[in-house]
Amino acid sequence: MENQQEIILKTLEILLEIQLSSVKKALGKDVSKSNIIRRKSVKRKSMIEYCVQILTGEQGPLHVDKLVNILEERFGRVTDRDPLSSALAKKAKQGLLVRRVSPAMFEILS
């Protein structure tokens, strides 16, 4: 929750800086790019990264439906079952990060 609040506040800060820049420009004041504070964008984790984090903390494999629910509950990330299952299956087929133990069931590679 704190992370979401921080992202919202940083976004508001950037929006206010842009609005202030627009006001200064309308008043005829010099607005150079150096006056606008550039923030490093907050890199969001991918769904796969979140799934790996979830699976790492689990004792065994999880069904994709359970992963979808945990993603929404724990991280506020909403996704459909099919694209997530497809992405995880692709990683499993490549032998990266996860292993498919049965249809729609995945576990972390040890």
C-alpha atoms as a PDB file:
ATOM      1  CA  MET A   1       0.000   0.000   0.000  1.00  0.00           C
ATOM      2  CA  GLU A   2       2.832   2.383   0.845  1.00  0.00           C
ATOM      3  CA  ASN A   3       4.429   1.741  -2.530  1.00  0.00           C
ATOM      4  CA  GLN A   4       1.181   2.675  -4.312  1.00  0.00           C
ATOM      5  CA  GLN A   5       0.839   5.831  -2.249  1.00  0.00           C
ATOM      6  CA  GLU A   6       4.438   6.805  -3.025  1.00  0.00           C
ATOM      7  CA  ILE A   7       3.861   6.302  -6.765  1.00  0.00           C
ATOM      8  CA  ILE A   8       0.699   8.429  -6.654  1.00  0.00           C
ATOM      9  CA  LEU A   9       2.444  11.214  -4.747  1.00  0.00           C
ATOM     10  CA  LYS A  10       5.437  11.229  -7.116  1.00  0.00           C
ATOM     11  CA  THR A  11       3.074  11.347 -10.081  1.00  0.00           C
ATOM     12  CA  LEU A  12       1.246  14.318  -8.556  1.00  0.00           C
ATOM     13  CA  GLU A  13       4.567  16.049  -7.927  1.00  0.00           C
ATOM     14  CA  ILE A  14       5.587  15.653 -11.560  1.00  0.00           C
ATOM     15  CA  LEU A  15       2.187  16.877 -12.769  1.00  0.00           C
ATOM     16  CA  LEU A  16       2.434  19.961 -10.566  1.00  0.00           C
ATOM     17  CA  GLU A  17       5.950  20.705 -11.841  1.00  0.00           C
ATOM     18  CA  ILE A  18       4.687  20.492 -15.430  1.00  0.00           C
ATOM     19  CA  GLN A  19       1.729  22.758 -14.614  1.00  0.00           C
ATOM     20  CA  LEU A  20       4.031  25.298 -12.958  1.00  0.00           C
ATOM     21  CA  SER A  21       6.231  25.236 -16.026  1.00  0.00           C
ATOM     22  CA  SER A  22       3.194  25.938 -18.216  1.00  0.00           C
ATOM     23  CA  VAL A  23       2.161  28.865 -16.032  1.00  0.00           C
ATOM     24  CA  LYS A  24       5.668  30.350 -16.189  1.00  0.00           C
ATOM     25  CA  LYS A  25       5.675  29.950 -19.952  1.00  0.00           C
ATOM     26  CA  ALA A  26       2.277  31.700 -20.206  1.00  0.00           C
ATOM     27  CA  LEU A  27       3.685  34.585 -18.135  1.00  0.00           C
ATOM     28  CA  GLY A  28       6.550  34.894 -20.589  1.00  0.00           C
ATOM     29  CA  LYS A  29       9.200  33.657 -18.226  1.00  0.00           C
ATOM     30  CA  ASP A  30      12.068  31.563 -19.512  1.00  0.00           C
ATOM     31  CA  VAL A  31      11.343  27.917 -18.970  1.00  0.00           C
ATOM     32  CA  SER A  32      14.297  25.754 -19.728  1.00  0.00           C
ATOM     33  CA  LYS A  33      14.338  22.018 -19.403  1.00  0.00           C
ATOM     34  CA  SER A  34      16.670  22.355 -16.448  1.00  0.00           C
ATOM     35  CA  ASN A  35      13.884  24.088 -14.510  1.00  0.00           C
ATOM     36  CA  ILE A  36      11.701  21.020 -14.816  1.00  0.00           C
ATOM     37  CA  ILE A  37      12.901  18.346 -12.457  1.00  0.00           C
ATOM     38  CA  ARG A  38      13.222  15.095 -14.320  1.00  0.00           C
ATOM     39  CA  ARG A  39      12.400  12.101 -12.231  1.00  0.00           C
ATOM     40  CA  LYS A  40      13.554   8.614 -12.896  1.00  0.00           C
ATOM     41  CA  SER A  41      10.492   6.650 -13.802  1.00  0.00           C
ATOM     42  CA  VAL A  42       9.527   4.001 -11.347  1.00  0.00           C
ATOM     43  CA  LYS A  43      10.125   0.673 -13.021  1.00  0.00           C
ATOM     44  CA  ARG A  44       7.226  -1.638 -12.473  1.00  0.00           C
ATOM     45  CA  LYS A  45       7.862  -5.299 -12.165  1.00  0.00           C
ATOM     46  CA  SER A  46       6.480  -7.558 -14.835  1.00  0.00           C
ATOM     47  CA  MET A  47       3.767 -10.069 -14.048  1.00  0.00           C
ATOM     48  CA  ILE A  48       6.368 -12.811 -14.419  1.00  0.00           C
ATOM     49  CA  GLU A  49       8.623 -11.118 -11.850  1.00  0.00           C
ATOM     50  CA  TYR A  50       5.704 -10.900  -9.433  1.00  0.00           C
ATOM     51  CA  CYS A  51       4.819 -14.561 -10.063  1.00  0.00           C
ATOM     52  CA  VAL A  52       8.410 -15.610  -9.417  1.00  0.00           C
ATOM     53  CA  GLN A  53       8.314 -13.647  -6.161  1.00  0.00           C
ATOM     54  CA  ILE A  54       5.070 -15.372  -5.158  1.00  0.00           C
ATOM     55  CA  LEU A  55       6.252 -18.843  -6.156  1.00  0.00           C
ATOM     56  CA  THR A  56       9.548 -18.352  -4.320  1.00  0.00           C
ATOM     57  CA  GLY A  57       7.656 -17.898  -1.061  1.00  0.00           C
ATOM     58  CA  GLU A  58       5.395 -20.909  -1.604  1.00  0.00           C
ATOM     59  CA  GLN A  59       6.103 -24.469  -0.543  1.00  0.00           C
ATOM     60  CA  GLY A  60       4.898 -26.006  -3.785  1.00  0.00           C
ATOM     61  CA  PRO A  61       3.280 -25.358  -7.141  1.00  0.00           C
ATOM     62  CA  LEU A  62       0.366 -22.972  -7.609  1.00  0.00           C
ATOM     63  CA  HIS A  63      -2.471 -22.945 -10.106  1.00  0.00           C
ATOM     64  CA  VAL A  64      -2.666 -19.934 -12.410  1.00  0.00           C
ATOM     65  CA  ASP A  65      -6.056 -18.966 -10.937  1.00  0.00           C
ATOM     66  CA  LYS A  66      -4.465 -18.770  -7.472  1.00  0.00           C
ATOM     67  CA  LEU A  67      -1.580 -16.686  -8.888  1.00  0.00           C
ATOM     68  CA  VAL A  68      -4.078 -14.263 -10.467  1.00  0.00           C
ATOM     69  CA  ASN A  69      -5.825 -13.859  -7.094  1.00  0.00           C
ATOM     70  CA  ILE A  70      -2.561 -13.325  -5.196  1.00  0.00           C
ATOM     71  CA  LEU A  71      -1.340 -10.802  -7.784  1.00  0.00           C
ATOM     72  CA  GLU A  72      -4.468  -8.746  -7.251  1.00  0.00           C
ATOM     73  CA  GLU A  73      -4.569  -9.093  -3.448  1.00  0.00           C
ATOM     74  CA  ARG A  74      -0.896  -8.577  -2.701  1.00  0.00           C
ATOM     75  CA  PHE A  75       0.263  -6.252  -5.482  1.00  0.00           C
ATOM     76  CA  GLY A  76      -2.910  -4.695  -6.878  1.00  0.00           C
ATOM     77  CA  ARG A  77      -2.070  -6.066 -10.338  1.00  0.00           C
ATOM     78  CA  VAL A  78      -5.011  -7.342 -12.340  1.00  0.00           C
ATOM     79  CA  THR A  79      -4.484  -9.775 -15.178  1.00  0.00           C
ATOM     80  CA  ASP A  80      -6.400 -12.399 -17.074  1.00  0.00           C
ATOM     81  CA  ARG A  81      -5.662 -16.043 -16.503  1.00  0.00           C
ATOM     82  CA  ASP A  82      -4.871 -16.967 -20.116  1.00  0.00           C
ATOM     83  CA  PRO A  83      -2.127 -14.418 -20.891  1.00  0.00           C
ATOM     84  CA  LEU A  84      -0.446 -15.135 -17.561  1.00  0.00           C
ATOM     85  CA  SER A  85      -0.607 -18.874 -18.122  1.00  0.00           C
ATOM     86  CA  SER A  86       0.799 -18.429 -21.620  1.00  0.00           C
ATOM     87  CA  ALA A  87       3.683 -16.260 -20.392  1.00  0.00           C
ATOM     88  CA  LEU A  88       4.543 -18.712 -17.620  1.00  0.00           C
ATOM     89  CA  ALA A  89       4.324 -21.666 -20.029  1.00  0.00           C
ATOM     90  CA  LYS A  90       6.713 -19.882 -22.382  1.00  0.00           C
ATOM     91  CA  LYS A  91       9.249 -19.373 -19.572  1.00  0.00           C
ATOM     92  CA  ALA A  92       8.831 -22.990 -18.500  1.00  0.00           C
ATOM     93  CA  LYS A  93       9.376 -24.220 -22.050  1.00  0.00           C
ATOM     94  CA  GLN A  94      12.593 -22.179 -22.223  1.00  0.00           C
ATOM     95  CA  GLY A  95      13.665 -23.628 -18.878  1.00  0.00           C
ATOM     96  CA  LEU A  96      13.708 -20.192 -17.254  1.00  0.00           C
ATOM     97  CA  LEU A  97      12.487 -19.326 -13.760  1.00  0.00           C
ATOM     98  CA  VAL A  98       9.514 -21.708 -13.544  1.00  0.00           C
ATOM     99  CA  ARG A  99       8.557 -25.292 -14.253  1.00  0.00           C
ATOM    100  CA  ARG A 100       5.151 -26.505 -15.399  1.00  0.00           C
ATOM    101  CA  VAL A 101       4.127 -29.425 -13.185  1.00  0.00           C
ATOM    102  CA  SER A 102       0.700 -29.935 -14.762  1.00  0.00           C
ATOM    103  CA  PRO A 103      -1.631 -27.915 -16.972  1.00  0.00           C
ATOM    104  CA  ALA A 104      -1.942 -24.425 -15.432  1.00  0.00           C
ATOM    105  CA  MET A 105       0.226 -25.395 -12.419  1.00  0.00           C
ATOM    106  CA  PHE A 106       3.656 -23.863 -12.005  1.00  0.00           C
ATOM    107  CA  GLU A 107       6.449 -23.909  -9.457  1.00  0.00           C
ATOM    108  CA  ILE A 108       9.731 -22.095  -9.112  1.00  0.00           C
ATOM    109  CA  LEU A 109      12.824 -23.773 -10.526  1.00  0.00           C
ATOM    110  CA  SER A 110      15.163 -24.834  -7.750  1.00  0.00           C
END
